PDB file of all heavy atoms in Angstrom:
ATOM      1  N   PHE A   1      -3.967 -15.138 -10.807  1.00  0.00           N
ATOM      2  CA  PHE A   1      -4.527 -14.310  -9.747  1.00  0.00           C
ATOM      3  C   PHE A   1      -3.390 -13.685  -8.951  1.00  0.00           C
ATOM      4  O   PHE A   1      -2.410 -14.346  -8.627  1.00  0.00           O
ATOM      5  CB  PHE A   1      -5.416 -15.158  -8.829  1.00  0.00           C
ATOM      6  CG  PHE A   1      -6.665 -15.650  -9.493  1.00  0.00           C
ATOM      7  CD1 PHE A   1      -6.792 -16.984  -9.841  1.00  0.00           C
ATOM      8  CD2 PHE A   1      -7.698 -14.785  -9.792  1.00  0.00           C
ATOM      9  CE1 PHE A   1      -7.939 -17.447 -10.458  1.00  0.00           C
ATOM     10  CE2 PHE A   1      -8.850 -15.232 -10.416  1.00  0.00           C
ATOM     11  CZ  PHE A   1      -8.972 -16.567 -10.749  1.00  0.00           C
ATOM     12  N   ALA A   2      -3.539 -12.408  -8.643  1.00  0.00           N
ATOM     13  CA  ALA A   2      -2.511 -11.705  -7.883  1.00  0.00           C
ATOM     14  C   ALA A   2      -2.386 -12.301  -6.485  1.00  0.00           C
ATOM     15  O   ALA A   2      -3.364 -12.762  -5.897  1.00  0.00           O
ATOM     16  CB  ALA A   2      -2.851 -10.221  -7.790  1.00  0.00           C
ATOM     17  N   SER A   3      -1.173 -12.291  -5.952  1.00  0.00           N
ATOM     18  CA  SER A   3      -0.949 -12.796  -4.605  1.00  0.00           C
ATOM     19  C   SER A   3      -1.571 -11.837  -3.588  1.00  0.00           C
ATOM     20  O   SER A   3      -1.873 -10.672  -3.888  1.00  0.00           O
ATOM     21  CB  SER A   3       0.551 -12.927  -4.335  1.00  0.00           C
ATOM     22  OG  SER A   3       1.167 -11.642  -4.342  1.00  0.00           O
ATOM     23  N   LEU A   4      -1.765 -12.333  -2.373  1.00  0.00           N
ATOM     24  CA  LEU A   4      -2.320 -11.496  -1.304  1.00  0.00           C
ATOM     25  C   LEU A   4      -1.406 -10.302  -1.048  1.00  0.00           C
ATOM     26  O   LEU A   4      -1.872  -9.181  -0.794  1.00  0.00           O
ATOM     27  CB  LEU A   4      -2.492 -12.321  -0.029  1.00  0.00           C
ATOM     28  CG  LEU A   4      -3.066 -11.574   1.187  1.00  0.00           C
ATOM     29  CD1 LEU A   4      -4.445 -11.001   0.869  1.00  0.00           C
ATOM     30  CD2 LEU A   4      -3.137 -12.513   2.389  1.00  0.00           C
ATOM     31  N   GLN A   5      -0.101 -10.522  -1.125  1.00  0.00           N
ATOM     32  CA  GLN A   5       0.858  -9.443  -0.927  1.00  0.00           C
ATOM     33  C   GLN A   5       0.669  -8.346  -1.978  1.00  0.00           C
ATOM     34  O   GLN A   5       0.655  -7.151  -1.661  1.00  0.00           O
ATOM     35  CB  GLN A   5       2.275 -10.009  -0.999  1.00  0.00           C
ATOM     36  CG  GLN A   5       3.367  -9.015  -0.601  1.00  0.00           C
ATOM     37  CD  GLN A   5       4.749  -9.630  -0.717  1.00  0.00           C
ATOM     38  OE1 GLN A   5       5.040 -10.330  -1.686  1.00  0.00           O
ATOM     39  NE2 GLN A   5       5.592  -9.398   0.273  1.00  0.00           N
ATOM     40  N   THR A   6       0.490  -8.748  -3.226  1.00  0.00           N
ATOM     41  CA  THR A   6       0.284  -7.772  -4.299  1.00  0.00           C
ATOM     42  C   THR A   6      -1.042  -7.036  -4.132  1.00  0.00           C
ATOM     43  O   THR A   6      -1.129  -5.818  -4.336  1.00  0.00           O
ATOM     44  CB  THR A   6       0.324  -8.471  -5.668  1.00  0.00           C
ATOM     45  OG1 THR A   6       1.629  -9.027  -5.869  1.00  0.00           O
ATOM     46  CG2 THR A   6       0.018  -7.499  -6.795  1.00  0.00           C
ATOM     47  N   LEU A   7      -2.102  -7.756  -3.756  1.00  0.00           N
ATOM     48  CA  LEU A   7      -3.401  -7.119  -3.554  1.00  0.00           C
ATOM     49  C   LEU A   7      -3.342  -6.091  -2.429  1.00  0.00           C
ATOM     50  O   LEU A   7      -3.931  -5.008  -2.530  1.00  0.00           O
ATOM     51  CB  LEU A   7      -4.465  -8.180  -3.255  1.00  0.00           C
ATOM     52  CG  LEU A   7      -4.824  -9.120  -4.417  1.00  0.00           C
ATOM     53  CD1 LEU A   7      -5.766 -10.211  -3.940  1.00  0.00           C
ATOM     54  CD2 LEU A   7      -5.458  -8.332  -5.558  1.00  0.00           C
ATOM     55  N   CYS A   8      -2.630  -6.411  -1.353  1.00  0.00           N
ATOM     56  CA  CYS A   8      -2.461  -5.455  -0.243  1.00  0.00           C
ATOM     57  C   CYS A   8      -1.716  -4.220  -0.731  1.00  0.00           C
ATOM     58  O   CYS A   8      -2.095  -3.085  -0.415  1.00  0.00           O
ATOM     59  CB  CYS A   8      -1.715  -6.106   0.912  1.00  0.00           C
ATOM     60  SG  CYS A   8      -2.669  -7.344   1.828  1.00  0.00           S
ATOM     61  N   ARG A   9      -0.650  -4.439  -1.488  1.00  0.00           N
ATOM     62  CA  ARG A   9       0.129  -3.304  -2.002  1.00  0.00           C
ATOM     63  C   ARG A   9      -0.726  -2.413  -2.883  1.00  0.00           C
ATOM     64  O   ARG A   9      -0.712  -1.177  -2.744  1.00  0.00           O
ATOM     65  CB  ARG A   9       1.331  -3.819  -2.797  1.00  0.00           C
ATOM     66  CG  ARG A   9       2.088  -2.710  -3.530  1.00  0.00           C
ATOM     67  CD  ARG A   9       3.291  -3.247  -4.254  1.00  0.00           C
ATOM     68  NE  ARG A   9       2.971  -4.229  -5.263  1.00  0.00           N
ATOM     69  CZ  ARG A   9       2.512  -3.930  -6.492  1.00  0.00           C
ATOM     70  NH1 ARG A   9       2.310  -2.678  -6.825  1.00  0.00           N
ATOM     71  NH2 ARG A   9       2.268  -4.884  -7.360  1.00  0.00           N
ATOM     72  N   GLN A  10      -1.495  -2.996  -3.780  1.00  0.00           N
ATOM     73  CA  GLN A  10      -2.320  -2.207  -4.683  1.00  0.00           C
ATOM     74  C   GLN A  10      -3.396  -1.430  -3.927  1.00  0.00           C
ATOM     75  O   GLN A  10      -3.679  -0.269  -4.247  1.00  0.00           O
ATOM     76  CB  GLN A  10      -2.955  -3.116  -5.732  1.00  0.00           C
ATOM     77  CG  GLN A  10      -1.952  -3.705  -6.715  1.00  0.00           C
ATOM     78  CD  GLN A  10      -2.575  -4.713  -7.660  1.00  0.00           C
ATOM     79  OE1 GLN A  10      -3.667  -5.234  -7.409  1.00  0.00           O
ATOM     80  NE2 GLN A  10      -1.876  -5.009  -8.749  1.00  0.00           N
ATOM     81  N   ALA A  11      -3.988  -2.060  -2.911  1.00  0.00           N
ATOM     82  CA  ALA A  11      -5.023  -1.381  -2.127  1.00  0.00           C
ATOM     83  C   ALA A  11      -4.445  -0.192  -1.370  1.00  0.00           C
ATOM     84  O   ALA A  11      -5.062   0.878  -1.299  1.00  0.00           O
ATOM     85  CB  ALA A  11      -5.668  -2.368  -1.152  1.00  0.00           C
ATOM     86  N   ILE A  12      -3.250  -0.349  -0.827  1.00  0.00           N
ATOM     87  CA  ILE A  12      -2.606   0.745  -0.091  1.00  0.00           C
ATOM     88  C   ILE A  12      -2.227   1.872  -1.033  1.00  0.00           C
ATOM     89  O   ILE A  12      -2.480   3.054  -0.759  1.00  0.00           O
ATOM     90  CB  ILE A  12      -1.358   0.215   0.660  1.00  0.00           C
ATOM     91  CG1 ILE A  12      -1.774  -0.735   1.775  1.00  0.00           C
ATOM     92  CG2 ILE A  12      -0.543   1.379   1.235  1.00  0.00           C
ATOM     93  CD1 ILE A  12      -0.620  -1.488   2.398  1.00  0.00           C
ATOM     94  N   GLN A  13      -1.650   1.519  -2.176  1.00  0.00           N
ATOM     95  CA  GLN A  13      -1.188   2.550  -3.106  1.00  0.00           C
ATOM     96  C   GLN A  13      -2.334   3.361  -3.698  1.00  0.00           C
ATOM     97  O   GLN A  13      -2.142   4.522  -4.053  1.00  0.00           O
ATOM     98  CB  GLN A  13      -0.363   1.894  -4.222  1.00  0.00           C
ATOM     99  CG  GLN A  13       0.974   1.363  -3.731  1.00  0.00           C
ATOM    100  CD  GLN A  13       1.716   0.591  -4.806  1.00  0.00           C
ATOM    101  OE1 GLN A  13       1.134   0.120  -5.775  1.00  0.00           O
ATOM    102  NE2 GLN A  13       3.027   0.448  -4.628  1.00  0.00           N
ATOM    103  N   LYS A  14      -3.501   2.763  -3.822  1.00  0.00           N
ATOM    104  CA  LYS A  14      -4.651   3.494  -4.358  1.00  0.00           C
ATOM    105  C   LYS A  14      -5.166   4.556  -3.390  1.00  0.00           C
ATOM    106  O   LYS A  14      -5.886   5.468  -3.792  1.00  0.00           O
ATOM    107  CB  LYS A  14      -5.783   2.519  -4.688  1.00  0.00           C
ATOM    108  CG  LYS A  14      -5.543   1.702  -5.952  1.00  0.00           C
ATOM    109  CD  LYS A  14      -6.707   0.760  -6.199  1.00  0.00           C
ATOM    110  CE  LYS A  14      -6.475  -0.072  -7.460  1.00  0.00           C
ATOM    111  NZ  LYS A  14      -7.584  -1.034  -7.689  1.00  0.00           N
ATOM    112  N   ASN A  15      -4.800   4.446  -2.129  1.00  0.00           N
ATOM    113  CA  ASN A  15      -5.366   5.340  -1.113  1.00  0.00           C
ATOM    114  C   ASN A  15      -4.340   6.297  -0.519  1.00  0.00           C
ATOM    115  O   ASN A  15      -4.586   6.879   0.545  1.00  0.00           O
ATOM    116  CB  ASN A  15      -6.004   4.505   0.007  1.00  0.00           C
ATOM    117  CG  ASN A  15      -7.267   3.806  -0.453  1.00  0.00           C
ATOM    118  OD1 ASN A  15      -8.334   4.404  -0.536  1.00  0.00           O
ATOM    119  ND2 ASN A  15      -7.146   2.528  -0.780  1.00  0.00           N
ATOM    120  N   ILE A  16      -3.226   6.466  -1.183  1.00  0.00           N
ATOM    121  CA  ILE A  16      -2.245   7.445  -0.722  1.00  0.00           C
ATOM    122  C   ILE A  16      -1.895   8.381  -1.876  1.00  0.00           C
ATOM    123  O   ILE A  16      -1.997   8.011  -3.050  1.00  0.00           O
ATOM    124  CB  ILE A  16      -0.958   6.774  -0.189  1.00  0.00           C
ATOM    125  CG1 ILE A  16      -0.310   5.891  -1.267  1.00  0.00           C
ATOM    126  CG2 ILE A  16      -1.243   5.971   1.070  1.00  0.00           C
ATOM    127  CD1 ILE A  16       1.005   5.290  -0.860  1.00  0.00           C
ATOM    128  N   VAL A  17      -1.527   9.596  -1.536  1.00  0.00           N
ATOM    129  CA  VAL A  17      -1.184  10.584  -2.557  1.00  0.00           C
ATOM    130  C   VAL A  17       0.099  10.187  -3.267  1.00  0.00           C
ATOM    131  O   VAL A  17       0.208  10.269  -4.490  1.00  0.00           O
ATOM    132  CB  VAL A  17      -1.021  11.978  -1.918  1.00  0.00           C
ATOM    133  CG1 VAL A  17      -0.570  12.998  -2.958  1.00  0.00           C
ATOM    134  CG2 VAL A  17      -2.326  12.416  -1.271  1.00  0.00           C
ATOM    135  N   HIS A  18       1.085   9.744  -2.486  1.00  0.00           N
ATOM    136  CA  HIS A  18       2.377   9.352  -3.043  1.00  0.00           C
ATOM    137  C   HIS A  18       2.990   8.336  -2.114  1.00  0.00           C
ATOM    138  O   HIS A  18       2.716   8.310  -0.913  1.00  0.00           O
ATOM    139  CB  HIS A  18       3.291  10.579  -3.184  1.00  0.00           C
ATOM    140  CG  HIS A  18       4.609  10.248  -3.802  1.00  0.00           C
ATOM    141  ND1 HIS A  18       5.760  10.107  -3.071  1.00  0.00           N
ATOM    142  CD2 HIS A  18       4.945   9.992  -5.088  1.00  0.00           C
ATOM    143  CE1 HIS A  18       6.753   9.796  -3.884  1.00  0.00           C
ATOM    144  NE2 HIS A  18       6.284   9.725  -5.096  1.00  0.00           N
ATOM    145  N   ARG A  19       3.835   7.456  -2.649  1.00  0.00           N
ATOM    146  CA  ARG A  19       4.359   6.360  -1.840  1.00  0.00           C
ATOM    147  C   ARG A  19       5.215   6.815  -0.672  1.00  0.00           C
ATOM    148  O   ARG A  19       5.414   6.070   0.276  1.00  0.00           O
ATOM    149  CB  ARG A  19       5.128   5.374  -2.707  1.00  0.00           C
ATOM    150  CG  ARG A  19       6.240   5.949  -3.540  1.00  0.00           C
ATOM    151  CD  ARG A  19       6.728   4.883  -4.517  1.00  0.00           C
ATOM    152  NE  ARG A  19       7.567   5.445  -5.551  1.00  0.00           N
ATOM    153  CZ  ARG A  19       8.770   4.988  -5.858  1.00  0.00           C
ATOM    154  NH1 ARG A  19       9.280   4.000  -5.183  1.00  0.00           N
ATOM    155  NH2 ARG A  19       9.464   5.523  -6.832  1.00  0.00           N
ATOM    156  N   MET A  20       5.754   8.061  -0.717  1.00  0.00           N
ATOM    157  CA  MET A  20       6.516   8.537   0.433  1.00  0.00           C
ATOM    158  C   MET A  20       5.617   8.759   1.649  1.00  0.00           C
ATOM    159  O   MET A  20       6.089   8.820   2.781  1.00  0.00           O
ATOM    160  CB  MET A  20       7.256   9.828   0.070  1.00  0.00           C
ATOM    161  CG  MET A  20       8.310   9.643  -1.019  1.00  0.00           C
ATOM    162  SD  MET A  20       9.424   8.252  -0.669  1.00  0.00           S
ATOM    163  CE  MET A  20      10.210   8.829   0.824  1.00  0.00           C
ATOM    164  N   ALA A  21       4.291   8.875   1.409  1.00  0.00           N
ATOM    165  CA  ALA A  21       3.356   9.032   2.526  1.00  0.00           C
ATOM    166  C   ALA A  21       3.239   7.756   3.350  1.00  0.00           C
ATOM    167  O   ALA A  21       2.659   7.772   4.444  1.00  0.00           O
ATOM    168  CB  ALA A  21       1.981   9.436   1.991  1.00  0.00           C
ATOM    169  N   LEU A  22       3.784   6.663   2.844  1.00  0.00           N
ATOM    170  CA  LEU A  22       3.751   5.402   3.587  1.00  0.00           C
ATOM    171  C   LEU A  22       4.471   5.502   4.928  1.00  0.00           C
ATOM    172  O   LEU A  22       4.166   4.772   5.870  1.00  0.00           O
ATOM    173  CB  LEU A  22       4.382   4.289   2.754  1.00  0.00           C
ATOM    174  CG  LEU A  22       3.577   3.809   1.540  1.00  0.00           C
ATOM    175  CD1 LEU A  22       4.472   3.022   0.600  1.00  0.00           C
ATOM    176  CD2 LEU A  22       2.405   2.957   1.993  1.00  0.00           C
ATOM    177  N   ASP A  23       5.446   6.410   5.014  1.00  0.00           N
ATOM    178  CA  ASP A  23       6.224   6.539   6.245  1.00  0.00           C
ATOM    179  C   ASP A  23       5.356   6.946   7.425  1.00  0.00           C
ATOM    180  O   ASP A  23       5.720   6.700   8.583  1.00  0.00           O
ATOM    181  CB  ASP A  23       7.354   7.552   6.053  1.00  0.00           C
ATOM    182  CG  ASP A  23       8.426   7.039   5.095  1.00  0.00           C
ATOM    183  OD1 ASP A  23       8.595   5.811   5.009  1.00  0.00           O
ATOM    184  OD2 ASP A  23       9.073   7.867   4.420  1.00  0.00           O
ATOM    185  N   TRP A  24       4.211   7.583   7.150  1.00  0.00           N
ATOM    186  CA  TRP A  24       3.340   8.048   8.233  1.00  0.00           C
ATOM    187  C   TRP A  24       2.240   7.036   8.578  1.00  0.00           C
ATOM    188  O   TRP A  24       1.457   7.265   9.477  1.00  0.00           O
ATOM    189  CB  TRP A  24       2.705   9.380   7.852  1.00  0.00           C
ATOM    190  CG  TRP A  24       3.679  10.521   7.906  1.00  0.00           C
ATOM    191  CD1 TRP A  24       4.047  11.261   9.000  1.00  0.00           C
ATOM    192  CD2 TRP A  24       4.463  11.011   6.819  1.00  0.00           C
ATOM    193  NE1 TRP A  24       4.985  12.190   8.665  1.00  0.00           N
ATOM    194  CE2 TRP A  24       5.268  12.071   7.326  1.00  0.00           C
ATOM    195  CE3 TRP A  24       4.567  10.696   5.478  1.00  0.00           C
ATOM    196  CZ2 TRP A  24       6.144  12.779   6.530  1.00  0.00           C
ATOM    197  CZ3 TRP A  24       5.445  11.403   4.688  1.00  0.00           C
ATOM    198  CH2 TRP A  24       6.224  12.430   5.208  1.00  0.00           C
ATOM    199  N   LEU A  25       2.215   5.921   7.866  1.00  0.00           N
ATOM    200  CA  LEU A  25       1.194   4.913   8.138  1.00  0.00           C
ATOM    201  C   LEU A  25       1.713   3.898   9.151  1.00  0.00           C
ATOM    202  O   LEU A  25       2.899   3.586   9.198  1.00  0.00           O
ATOM    203  CB  LEU A  25       0.805   4.187   6.841  1.00  0.00           C
ATOM    204  CG  LEU A  25       0.172   5.045   5.739  1.00  0.00           C
ATOM    205  CD1 LEU A  25      -0.162   4.175   4.526  1.00  0.00           C
ATOM    206  CD2 LEU A  25      -1.078   5.748   6.235  1.00  0.00           C
ATOM    207  N   GLU A  26       0.813   3.401   9.962  1.00  0.00           N
ATOM    208  CA  GLU A  26       1.176   2.396  10.962  1.00  0.00           C
ATOM    209  C   GLU A  26       1.112   1.015  10.309  1.00  0.00           C
ATOM    210  O   GLU A  26       0.163   0.250  10.482  1.00  0.00           O
ATOM    211  CB  GLU A  26       0.250   2.488  12.172  1.00  0.00           C
ATOM    212  CG  GLU A  26       0.382   3.808  12.947  1.00  0.00           C
ATOM    213  CD  GLU A  26      -0.504   3.832  14.178  1.00  0.00           C
ATOM    214  OE1 GLU A  26      -1.211   2.820  14.412  1.00  0.00           O
ATOM    215  OE2 GLU A  26      -0.497   4.849  14.893  1.00  0.00           O
ATOM    216  N   LEU A  27       2.149   0.719   9.549  1.00  0.00           N
ATOM    217  CA  LEU A  27       2.242  -0.554   8.841  1.00  0.00           C
ATOM    218  C   LEU A  27       3.577  -1.208   9.163  1.00  0.00           C
ATOM    219  O   LEU A  27       4.544  -0.526   9.519  1.00  0.00           O
ATOM    220  CB  LEU A  27       2.138  -0.333   7.322  1.00  0.00           C
ATOM    221  CG  LEU A  27       0.816   0.213   6.779  1.00  0.00           C
ATOM    222  CD1 LEU A  27       0.966   0.545   5.297  1.00  0.00           C
ATOM    223  CD2 LEU A  27      -0.297  -0.815   6.977  1.00  0.00           C
ATOM    224  N   PRO A  28       3.647  -2.522   9.043  1.00  0.00           N
ATOM    225  CA  PRO A  28       4.946  -3.196   9.241  1.00  0.00           C
ATOM    226  C   PRO A  28       5.995  -2.643   8.268  1.00  0.00           C
ATOM    227  O   PRO A  28       5.678  -2.330   7.119  1.00  0.00           O
ATOM    228  CB  PRO A  28       4.623  -4.666   8.952  1.00  0.00           C
ATOM    229  CG  PRO A  28       3.146  -4.794   9.184  1.00  0.00           C
ATOM    230  CD  PRO A  28       2.557  -3.475   8.785  1.00  0.00           C
TER     231      PRO A  28
END
């Protein structure tokens, strides 16, 4: 089973156009 960290990463990546868009998200 995937770790919670991996599940969070996959959920975030599915909802962004490209990973560089992460800079505009309010995330740690």
